[in-house]
Amino acid sequence: MQYHNLGSSDLNVSKLCLGTMTWGMKTDPADAHAQLDMALAAGVNLIDTAELYPTYPITAETVGRTEEIIGDWIARSGRRGDIVLATKVTGAGQPKVRDGAPVTAEVIREAVEGSLQRLKTDVIDLYQLHWPNRGSYHFRQYWDYDASKQDRDTVRDDMLDILQEMQRQVAAGRVRHFGLSNESAWGTATWLHLAETHGLPRVVSIQNEYSLLCRIFDTDLAELAHQENVGLLAYTPLASGLLTGKYAPEVTPEGSRRSVASDLGGRVTDRVWPAIEAYHAVARRHGLDPVQMAIAWARGRPFMGSVIVGASSAEQLERILGAADLELSDEVLGEISKAHKAHPMPF
C-alpha cells in the first residue's frame, strides 16, 4: 500500500480509502466490521463516511446509522489510533437531514457533536462539506448548470461564516482538518483565498466523483489541485458498479444498486455501454481484472489524494483490494487514453 500526506495536511493516508455509504442499508454491521478489519489488514487507513449515510435509499430512519456502525467498531476494536477518520456535514436541500437546512455555524456545531457521539471518538480527522450551500454541478447537474443567479458577496460571506466556525472546532480539538466535496474550481479557489486572507483552516482535500467514465476533474480542478496542494478524494471510481461489468442494458442483478436506482443517478445512458466495453477490452488484452485496472488507474493520477473504494460485501472488497499495488504499464495507460478520447463523456 502506498501512503502520502493528504494535500497540505499532516494526515498520512493510504492511496485507497474505505467508503461506507451502504453500511446500515445494503451492508449489515457484521459485514461492515469485517470490511474494516480486512481493509486495515491490507494497509488501508483512511475511512470515509457522512452523517447522511447510508444511501440507496436515504431515509430519515437510517440517517447516521453508518457512523454508528463505525463507532461500534472503534469501541470494540480499540483501533481508533490506526485510522484517519473522515466524515461530512450535509448541505442545503436534503430533506432527511435538518429539513434541508443549509450549512451554518450553528449547524456545524450540532453536526460535529452528533458525529462525534455516533463515531465514539473525541476528534474527526477530516471534516468535509458534503456539497456547497449555493448548489453544485455534480450528480449530472452539469448538463444545464447555471451559476448566473449566484450573488458573489453572499456566497463569500457564507463561506467565511463556515470557515470561522471550522476554526473554532479546530481550536477546540474536535476537528483536525477541513475538506470539501462536490465543489468547483472557483469554489475551491475562493475557500482557499478566504482561509489565507483571514488565517482560517485551509482546504486540504476535495471529494468529487472521478472514474474512467467521469473525468471532469482532469482540467481546471486538476490544475488547482496541483498548484494549491489539495488532494482529490475520488468517489465512485467504478461508476456505481458500471465498470464491474455486472450490468448490461437489460441486465440488472437482484439486490444491486441499479435495482433501487434504475439509471444509477443519471449514469446509465446509451453512450455508456460502448465506453464500458472499450475499457473492458483493454483489460482483456492485458490479462487484467477490469475492476482492479480502473482503481489502479485512478490511484495513479497525479492529483490523487486517495481513491474511495466501497463494497456491499467483504467478498467484493477483497477483489477491489487487489488493486492496491497494481501498476499499469505505459501500453495499458496509452490504450486507456485512446478509449477516453473515443468515449469522452458517456454520462
Protein backbone atom coordinates (compact mmCIF):
# COMPACT_ATOMS: atom_id res chain seq x y z
CA MET A 1 0.00 0.00 0.00
CA GLN A 2 1.23 3.49 -0.85
CA TYR A 3 0.90 6.40 1.60
CA HIS A 4 1.39 10.15 1.45
CA ASN A 5 0.24 13.29 3.22
CA LEU A 6 -3.21 14.42 2.14
CA GLY A 7 -2.83 17.81 0.49
CA SER A 8 -1.09 20.29 2.75
CA SER A 9 -2.13 18.43 5.92
CA ASP A 10 -0.16 16.18 8.24
CA LEU A 11 -2.62 13.34 7.64
CA ASN A 12 -0.58 10.44 6.25
CA VAL A 13 -3.17 8.44 4.32
CA SER A 14 -3.29 5.32 2.18
CA LYS A 15 -3.86 5.76 -1.57
CA LEU A 16 -7.02 3.67 -1.15
CA CYS A 17 -9.79 4.81 1.20
CA LEU A 18 -12.61 2.65 2.54
CA GLY A 19 -16.01 4.09 1.64
CA THR A 20 -19.04 3.27 3.77
CA MET A 21 -22.22 4.67 2.23
CA THR A 22 -24.06 1.32 2.04
CA TRP A 23 -23.42 0.36 5.66
CA GLY A 24 -26.65 0.04 7.58
CA MET A 25 -28.75 -0.40 4.43
CA LYS A 26 -27.31 -2.96 1.98
CA THR A 27 -24.43 -3.92 4.28
CA ASP A 28 -25.15 -5.17 7.79
CA PRO A 29 -22.94 -4.29 10.78
CA ALA A 30 -21.17 -7.65 10.89
CA ASP A 31 -20.09 -7.38 7.25
CA ALA A 32 -19.14 -3.73 7.70
CA HIS A 33 -16.89 -4.62 10.64
CA ALA A 34 -15.36 -7.44 8.60
CA GLN A 35 -14.62 -4.92 5.83
CA LEU A 36 -12.90 -2.60 8.32
CA ASP A 37 -10.74 -5.45 9.58
CA MET A 38 -9.92 -6.57 6.03
CA ALA A 39 -9.10 -3.06 4.85
CA LEU A 40 -6.77 -2.35 7.76
CA ALA A 41 -5.04 -5.70 7.25
CA ALA A 42 -4.39 -4.64 3.63
CA GLY A 43 -2.92 -1.32 4.76
CA VAL A 44 -5.91 0.99 4.25
CA ASN A 45 -6.02 3.61 7.00
CA LEU A 46 -8.43 6.25 5.62
CA ILE A 47 -12.14 5.69 6.37
CA ASP A 48 -14.73 8.00 4.81
CA THR A 49 -18.32 8.40 5.95
CA ALA A 50 -21.02 11.06 6.38
CA GLU A 51 -23.79 11.94 8.78
CA LEU A 52 -26.20 11.37 5.85
CA TYR A 53 -25.24 7.73 5.28
CA PRO A 54 -26.45 5.11 4.43
CA THR A 55 -27.77 5.82 0.94
CA TYR A 56 -29.74 3.90 -1.72
CA PRO A 57 -32.18 4.92 -0.45
CA ILE A 58 -31.74 7.76 2.06
CA THR A 59 -34.36 7.56 4.81
CA ALA A 60 -34.96 9.65 7.90
CA GLU A 61 -34.88 6.48 9.99
CA THR A 62 -31.39 5.43 8.90
CA VAL A 63 -29.56 8.79 8.73
CA GLY A 64 -26.49 8.49 10.96
CA ARG A 65 -26.59 4.70 11.10
CA THR A 66 -23.31 4.29 9.18
CA GLU A 67 -21.44 6.46 11.67
CA GLU A 68 -22.93 4.38 14.49
CA ILE A 69 -21.64 1.17 12.89
CA ILE A 70 -18.15 2.64 12.59
CA GLY A 71 -18.35 3.90 16.18
CA ASP A 72 -19.28 0.42 17.41
CA TRP A 73 -16.24 -1.00 15.58
CA ILE A 74 -13.96 1.65 17.11
CA ALA A 75 -15.28 0.83 20.59
CA ARG A 76 -14.94 -2.93 20.04
CA SER A 77 -11.55 -2.93 18.34
CA GLY A 78 -9.81 -0.13 20.21
CA ARG A 79 -8.13 0.83 16.92
CA ARG A 80 -9.09 4.48 16.67
CA GLY A 81 -5.41 5.40 16.51
CA ASP A 82 -4.90 3.19 13.44
CA ILE A 83 -7.31 5.07 11.20
CA VAL A 84 -7.73 8.51 9.67
CA LEU A 85 -11.43 9.25 10.10
CA ALA A 86 -13.30 11.50 7.65
CA THR A 87 -16.96 12.48 7.75
CA LYS A 88 -19.22 15.16 6.27
CA VAL A 89 -21.92 17.64 7.22
CA THR A 90 -24.99 17.53 4.97
CA GLY A 91 -25.67 20.57 2.78
CA ALA A 92 -28.76 22.51 1.85
CA GLY A 93 -31.71 20.79 0.21
CA GLN A 94 -31.58 17.30 1.73
CA PRO A 95 -34.96 16.98 3.45
CA LYS A 96 -33.98 13.94 5.52
CA VAL A 97 -31.40 15.96 7.50
CA ARG A 98 -32.47 19.06 9.46
CA ASP A 99 -35.36 19.54 6.99
CA GLY A 100 -32.93 20.60 4.27
CA ALA A 101 -31.33 23.46 6.19
CA PRO A 102 -28.13 24.94 4.73
CA VAL A 103 -24.80 24.63 6.50
CA THR A 104 -24.24 27.42 9.02
CA ALA A 105 -22.01 27.86 12.06
CA GLU A 106 -24.84 26.58 14.26
CA VAL A 107 -25.40 23.55 12.01
CA ILE A 108 -21.70 22.69 12.10
CA ARG A 109 -21.68 22.76 15.90
CA GLU A 110 -24.71 20.49 16.04
CA ALA A 111 -23.48 18.16 13.30
CA VAL A 112 -19.96 17.78 14.69
CA GLU A 113 -21.35 16.90 18.11
CA GLY A 114 -23.68 14.31 16.59
CA SER A 115 -20.94 12.72 14.51
CA LEU A 116 -18.53 12.57 17.46
CA GLN A 117 -21.14 10.79 19.56
CA ARG A 118 -22.07 8.29 16.87
CA LEU A 119 -18.44 7.62 15.91
CA LYS A 120 -17.47 7.23 19.59
CA THR A 121 -14.42 9.43 19.16
CA ASP A 122 -13.12 12.74 20.50
CA VAL A 123 -11.88 14.14 17.19
CA ILE A 124 -12.69 14.00 13.48
CA ASP A 125 -9.52 13.98 11.38
CA LEU A 126 -11.12 15.40 8.23
CA TYR A 127 -14.44 17.27 8.32
CA GLN A 128 -15.97 17.91 4.90
CA LEU A 129 -18.90 19.86 3.48
CA HIS A 130 -20.94 17.26 1.59
CA TRP A 131 -21.84 19.88 -1.06
CA PRO A 132 -21.87 23.69 -1.13
CA ASN A 133 -24.87 25.69 0.04
CA ARG A 134 -25.03 27.52 -3.28
CA GLY A 135 -25.60 24.28 -5.19
CA SER A 136 -23.40 22.08 -7.33
CA TYR A 137 -22.99 20.94 -10.91
CA HIS A 138 -22.21 17.40 -9.75
CA PHE A 139 -24.63 14.45 -9.79
CA ARG A 140 -25.22 15.03 -13.54
CA GLN A 141 -26.41 18.59 -12.97
CA TYR A 142 -23.66 19.91 -15.25
CA TRP A 143 -25.82 19.50 -18.38
CA ASP A 144 -27.86 22.59 -17.52
CA TYR A 145 -25.81 24.16 -14.73
CA ASP A 146 -26.27 27.94 -14.42
CA ALA A 147 -24.27 29.93 -11.87
CA SER A 148 -25.54 33.31 -13.09
CA LYS A 149 -28.07 33.63 -10.26
CA GLN A 150 -25.42 33.36 -7.54
CA ASP A 151 -24.52 36.51 -5.65
CA ARG A 152 -20.76 36.62 -5.13
CA ASP A 153 -20.78 38.61 -1.89
CA THR A 154 -23.49 36.44 -0.33
CA VAL A 155 -21.59 33.27 -1.26
CA ARG A 156 -18.32 34.61 0.15
CA ASP A 157 -19.98 35.74 3.39
CA ASP A 158 -21.48 32.26 3.75
CA MET A 159 -18.08 30.65 3.22
CA LEU A 160 -16.40 32.95 5.72
CA ASP A 161 -19.01 32.16 8.37
CA ILE A 162 -18.38 28.43 7.88
CA LEU A 163 -14.59 28.82 7.95
CA GLN A 164 -14.74 30.82 11.17
CA GLU A 165 -16.76 28.06 12.81
CA MET A 166 -14.33 25.45 11.48
CA GLN A 167 -11.56 27.45 13.16
CA ARG A 168 -13.44 27.23 16.45
CA GLN A 169 -13.87 23.47 16.01
CA VAL A 170 -10.15 23.05 15.28
CA ALA A 171 -9.20 25.21 18.27
CA ALA A 172 -11.47 23.10 20.48
CA GLY A 173 -9.73 19.92 19.29
CA ARG A 174 -12.88 18.43 17.82
CA VAL A 175 -11.77 18.64 14.17
CA ARG A 176 -8.26 18.45 12.75
CA HIS A 177 -8.62 19.43 9.07
CA PHE A 178 -11.21 20.86 6.68
CA GLY A 179 -12.22 19.46 3.29
CA LEU A 180 -14.77 19.97 0.53
CA SER A 181 -16.95 17.70 -1.57
CA ASN A 182 -18.81 18.19 -4.84
CA GLU A 183 -17.09 21.54 -5.35
CA SER A 184 -15.98 23.52 -8.39
CA ALA A 185 -12.65 25.14 -9.25
CA TRP A 186 -13.96 28.64 -8.46
CA GLY A 187 -15.48 27.45 -5.20
CA THR A 188 -12.31 25.71 -4.05
CA ALA A 189 -10.16 28.70 -5.02
CA THR A 190 -12.45 31.01 -3.05
CA TRP A 191 -12.31 28.83 0.06
CA LEU A 192 -8.52 28.85 -0.21
CA HIS A 193 -8.36 32.63 -0.69
CA LEU A 194 -10.60 33.35 2.28
CA ALA A 195 -8.63 30.97 4.50
CA GLU A 196 -5.34 32.59 3.55
CA THR A 197 -6.67 36.14 3.90
CA HIS A 198 -8.24 35.60 7.32
CA GLY A 199 -5.90 32.98 8.81
CA LEU A 200 -8.57 30.27 8.85
CA PRO A 201 -8.42 26.48 8.19
CA ARG A 202 -7.12 25.70 4.73
CA VAL A 203 -8.86 23.22 2.43
CA VAL A 204 -6.72 20.05 2.28
CA SER A 205 -8.94 17.87 0.08
CA ILE A 206 -11.86 17.87 -2.30
CA GLN A 207 -14.08 14.79 -2.61
CA ASN A 208 -15.52 14.67 -6.12
CA GLU A 209 -16.68 11.93 -8.47
CA TYR A 210 -13.87 10.53 -10.61
CA SER A 211 -13.57 7.40 -12.72
CA LEU A 212 -12.71 6.21 -16.21
CA LEU A 213 -16.24 7.25 -17.15
CA CYS A 214 -16.32 10.60 -15.32
CA ARG A 215 -13.23 12.77 -15.79
CA ILE A 216 -14.45 16.35 -15.39
CA PHE A 217 -11.77 16.84 -12.69
CA ASP A 218 -9.00 16.50 -15.28
CA THR A 219 -8.70 20.14 -16.37
CA ASP A 220 -9.26 23.21 -14.15
CA LEU A 221 -9.64 21.27 -10.91
CA ALA A 222 -6.55 19.17 -11.65
CA GLU A 223 -4.52 22.33 -12.16
CA LEU A 224 -5.86 23.84 -8.95
CA ALA A 225 -5.18 20.61 -7.03
CA HIS A 226 -1.56 20.65 -8.17
CA GLN A 227 -0.85 24.35 -7.68
CA GLU A 228 -2.59 24.62 -4.31
CA ASN A 229 -1.72 21.15 -2.94
CA VAL A 230 -5.30 19.98 -2.50
CA GLY A 231 -5.77 16.22 -2.80
CA LEU A 232 -8.67 14.62 -4.64
CA LEU A 233 -10.66 12.00 -2.75
CA ALA A 234 -12.24 10.21 -5.68
CA TYR A 235 -15.66 8.75 -5.05
CA THR A 236 -17.46 6.22 -7.25
CA PRO A 237 -14.28 5.09 -9.08
CA LEU A 238 -16.25 2.16 -10.51
CA ALA A 239 -19.09 4.44 -11.70
CA SER A 240 -21.66 2.94 -9.33
CA GLY A 241 -20.69 -0.57 -10.43
CA LEU A 242 -20.92 0.04 -14.18
CA LEU A 243 -17.20 -0.66 -14.66
CA THR A 244 -17.51 -4.05 -12.97
CA GLY A 245 -19.39 -5.39 -15.99
CA LYS A 246 -22.25 -6.73 -13.90
CA TYR A 247 -24.77 -4.52 -15.70
CA ALA A 248 -25.95 -4.56 -19.31
CA PRO A 249 -28.80 -2.65 -20.98
CA GLU A 250 -31.28 -5.33 -19.99
CA VAL A 251 -29.36 -6.89 -17.09
CA THR A 252 -29.82 -5.70 -13.51
CA PRO A 253 -28.74 -8.16 -10.79
CA GLU A 254 -31.25 -8.61 -7.99
CA GLY A 255 -30.38 -6.52 -4.95
CA SER A 256 -27.91 -4.37 -6.89
CA ARG A 257 -27.83 -0.57 -6.70
CA ARG A 258 -29.50 -0.34 -10.11
CA SER A 259 -32.46 -2.31 -8.77
CA VAL A 260 -33.08 0.67 -6.47
CA ALA A 261 -31.99 3.48 -8.83
CA SER A 262 -32.64 2.36 -12.39
CA ASP A 263 -30.44 4.98 -14.07
CA LEU A 264 -27.75 4.93 -11.35
CA GLY A 265 -28.05 8.64 -10.76
CA GLY A 266 -28.05 9.52 -14.44
CA ARG A 267 -25.06 7.32 -15.30
CA VAL A 268 -26.99 4.85 -17.45
CA THR A 269 -27.17 6.24 -20.98
CA ASP A 270 -26.99 4.79 -24.48
CA ARG A 271 -23.40 6.07 -24.67
CA VAL A 272 -22.15 4.34 -21.54
CA TRP A 273 -22.28 0.74 -22.78
CA PRO A 274 -19.76 1.08 -25.63
CA ALA A 275 -17.50 3.09 -23.30
CA ILE A 276 -17.55 0.30 -20.72
CA GLU A 277 -16.78 -2.26 -23.42
CA ALA A 278 -13.82 -0.19 -24.64
CA TYR A 279 -12.21 -0.27 -21.17
CA HIS A 280 -13.04 -3.94 -20.66
CA ALA A 281 -11.38 -4.68 -23.99
CA VAL A 282 -8.18 -3.03 -22.73
CA ALA A 283 -8.31 -5.18 -19.59
CA ARG A 284 -8.87 -8.37 -21.59
CA ARG A 285 -5.96 -7.67 -23.94
CA HIS A 286 -3.61 -7.32 -21.00
CA GLY A 287 -4.99 -10.02 -18.72
CA LEU A 288 -6.22 -7.55 -16.12
CA ASP A 289 -9.25 -7.58 -13.85
CA PRO A 290 -11.27 -4.57 -15.12
CA VAL A 291 -12.21 -3.56 -11.57
CA GLN A 292 -8.60 -3.55 -10.44
CA MET A 293 -7.47 -1.80 -13.62
CA ALA A 294 -10.00 1.01 -13.10
CA ILE A 295 -8.96 1.57 -9.49
CA ALA A 296 -5.22 1.31 -10.19
CA TRP A 297 -5.60 3.87 -12.98
CA ALA A 298 -7.38 6.32 -10.66
CA ARG A 299 -4.85 5.71 -7.89
CA GLY A 300 -2.02 6.68 -10.21
CA ARG A 301 -3.41 10.06 -11.27
CA PRO A 302 -1.01 12.88 -10.27
CA PHE A 303 -3.58 14.82 -8.22
CA MET A 304 -4.95 11.81 -6.35
CA GLY A 305 -5.20 12.05 -2.59
CA SER A 306 -6.97 8.71 -2.17
CA VAL A 307 -9.43 6.57 -4.15
CA ILE A 308 -12.57 5.80 -2.17
CA VAL A 309 -13.48 2.17 -2.68
CA GLY A 310 -16.82 0.98 -1.41
CA ALA A 311 -18.23 -2.53 -1.37
CA SER A 312 -21.55 -4.03 -0.41
CA SER A 313 -19.77 -7.08 1.00
CA ALA A 314 -16.39 -8.23 2.24
CA GLU A 315 -16.20 -10.52 -0.78
CA GLN A 316 -16.43 -7.55 -3.15
CA LEU A 317 -13.85 -5.64 -1.10
CA GLU A 318 -11.35 -8.47 -1.38
CA ARG A 319 -11.44 -8.16 -5.19
CA ILE A 320 -11.08 -4.38 -5.04
CA LEU A 321 -8.10 -4.51 -2.70
CA GLY A 322 -6.21 -6.43 -5.38
CA ALA A 323 -5.66 -3.03 -6.99
CA ALA A 324 -3.64 -1.69 -4.04
CA ASP A 325 -0.23 -2.43 -5.55
CA LEU A 326 -1.16 -2.93 -9.21
CA GLU A 327 0.98 -0.81 -11.54
CA LEU A 328 -0.28 -0.29 -15.08
CA SER A 329 2.16 -0.35 -17.97
CA ASP A 330 2.66 2.57 -20.34
CA GLU A 331 0.99 0.47 -23.01
CA VAL A 332 -2.14 -0.02 -20.89
CA LEU A 333 -2.23 3.67 -19.98
CA GLY A 334 -1.93 4.59 -23.66
CA GLU A 335 -4.84 2.36 -24.60
CA ILE A 336 -6.93 3.82 -21.77
CA SER A 337 -6.22 7.31 -23.13
CA LYS A 338 -7.36 6.23 -26.61
CA ALA A 339 -10.57 4.79 -25.17
CA HIS A 340 -11.22 8.03 -23.31
CA LYS A 341 -10.82 10.11 -26.45
CA ALA A 342 -13.26 7.83 -28.25
CA HIS A 343 -15.77 7.96 -25.37
CA PRO A 344 -15.07 11.27 -23.60
CA MET A 345 -18.25 11.90 -21.61
CA PRO A 346 -20.57 8.89 -21.63
CA PHE A 347 -22.91 10.27 -18.95
